[in-house]
Amino acid sequence: MGRTRNTSLKSFSIGREKEFVWPLIHDAMKAAGEQLFIVASPWSPPPWVKTAFENINGETVAVLMNGNDREEEVSISLGGKSMMLVLPEHSIATVIIH
């Protein structure tokens, strides 16, 4: 916990991929003995980028998504009310703000 929002992406890194994923891909290419076609999924942005607010029957509903492989802290502020949530890895949360 205690993470700060990386809105400037200053701490963005593909170091994990370089260290763990790329060597596996190279090993697979060697083992196959031929060209491989790889389909990769894009980086999943942090939850604060994937927050949607809707007004349903006069109440504000926030839908939060965390597609990352670690929990994320999310702060919601709306209409003078605020709350902090911790979203588990690969989760979706719906919050109704009264």
Protein backbone atom coordinates (compact mmCIF):
# COMPACT_ATOMS: atom_id res chain seq x y z
CA MET A 1 0.00 0.00 0.00
CA GLY A 2 1.06 3.61 0.24
CA ARG A 3 1.64 3.89 -3.49
CA THR A 4 1.36 7.28 -5.12
CA ARG A 5 -0.28 7.91 -8.45
CA ASN A 6 2.26 7.76 -11.24
CA THR A 7 0.42 10.21 -13.48
CA SER A 8 3.64 11.37 -15.18
CA LEU A 9 4.76 7.74 -15.72
CA LYS A 10 8.21 8.66 -14.36
CA SER A 11 8.47 5.27 -12.67
CA PHE A 12 7.10 3.29 -15.63
CA SER A 13 9.41 0.41 -16.44
CA ILE A 14 9.55 -2.68 -18.61
CA GLY A 15 12.39 -4.01 -16.47
CA ARG A 16 10.33 -7.00 -15.32
CA GLU A 17 9.59 -7.94 -18.92
CA LYS A 18 13.24 -7.57 -19.96
CA GLU A 19 14.38 -9.73 -17.06
CA PHE A 20 11.73 -12.48 -17.11
CA VAL A 21 9.57 -12.40 -20.26
CA TRP A 22 12.07 -11.68 -23.03
CA PRO A 23 14.39 -14.56 -22.08
CA LEU A 24 11.41 -16.94 -22.20
CA ILE A 25 10.48 -15.68 -25.65
CA HIS A 26 14.06 -16.14 -26.88
CA ASP A 27 14.15 -19.68 -25.44
CA ALA A 28 10.83 -20.50 -27.15
CA MET A 29 12.15 -19.20 -30.48
CA LYS A 30 15.27 -21.38 -30.15
CA ALA A 31 13.22 -24.43 -29.19
CA ALA A 32 10.80 -23.92 -32.11
CA GLY A 33 13.65 -23.64 -34.59
CA GLU A 34 11.59 -21.29 -36.70
CA GLN A 35 9.99 -17.87 -36.61
CA LEU A 36 7.27 -17.45 -34.03
CA PHE A 37 4.33 -15.08 -34.21
CA ILE A 38 3.67 -13.54 -30.83
CA VAL A 39 0.50 -11.77 -29.78
CA ALA A 40 1.05 -9.50 -26.78
CA SER A 41 -1.48 -7.59 -24.73
CA PRO A 42 -0.85 -3.93 -23.90
CA TRP A 43 0.08 -2.61 -20.50
CA SER A 44 -2.97 -2.12 -18.31
CA PRO A 45 -3.21 1.42 -16.96
CA PRO A 46 -3.72 1.98 -13.23
CA PRO A 47 -7.29 2.11 -11.86
CA TRP A 48 -7.42 5.90 -11.60
CA VAL A 49 -7.25 5.97 -15.40
CA LYS A 50 -10.09 3.45 -15.70
CA THR A 51 -12.75 5.06 -13.53
CA ALA A 52 -16.18 5.74 -15.00
CA PHE A 53 -18.84 7.83 -13.27
CA GLU A 54 -22.51 7.48 -14.18
CA ASN A 55 -25.63 9.09 -12.78
CA ILE A 56 -28.26 6.39 -12.32
CA ASN A 57 -31.63 7.29 -10.78
CA GLY A 58 -30.12 10.36 -9.13
CA GLU A 59 -27.21 8.50 -7.54
CA THR A 60 -23.61 8.63 -8.69
CA VAL A 61 -22.15 5.25 -9.51
CA ALA A 62 -18.40 4.78 -9.97
CA VAL A 63 -17.09 1.71 -11.77
CA LEU A 64 -13.44 0.97 -11.03
CA MET A 65 -11.29 -1.61 -12.80
CA ASN A 66 -7.89 -2.98 -11.87
CA GLY A 67 -6.35 -5.08 -14.62
CA ASN A 68 -2.94 -5.16 -12.97
CA ASP A 69 -1.33 -8.14 -11.28
CA ARG A 70 -1.07 -6.33 -7.92
CA GLU A 71 -3.53 -4.51 -5.69
CA GLU A 72 -3.98 -0.79 -6.27
CA GLU A 73 -5.12 2.05 -4.04
CA VAL A 74 -7.76 4.32 -5.54
CA SER A 75 -9.08 7.58 -4.15
CA ILE A 76 -12.53 8.78 -5.23
CA SER A 77 -13.56 12.39 -4.63
CA LEU A 78 -16.90 13.72 -5.79
CA GLY A 79 -19.22 16.39 -4.46
CA GLY A 80 -17.19 17.01 -1.31
CA LYS A 81 -17.15 13.33 -0.42
CA SER A 82 -14.06 11.21 -0.74
CA MET A 83 -12.98 7.67 0.02
CA MET A 84 -9.96 5.44 -0.43
CA LEU A 85 -10.37 1.93 -1.78
CA VAL A 86 -7.94 -0.91 -2.30
CA LEU A 87 -8.75 -2.93 -5.40
CA PRO A 88 -7.44 -6.50 -5.47
CA GLU A 89 -5.53 -7.65 -8.54
CA HIS A 90 -7.70 -8.18 -11.65
CA SER A 91 -10.88 -6.81 -10.08
CA ILE A 92 -13.87 -4.62 -10.83
CA ALA A 93 -15.67 -2.61 -8.16
CA THR A 94 -18.91 -0.66 -8.32
CA VAL A 95 -19.37 2.12 -5.76
CA ILE A 96 -22.63 4.00 -5.22
CA ILE A 97 -22.05 7.48 -3.82
CA HIS A 98 -25.08 8.83 -1.95
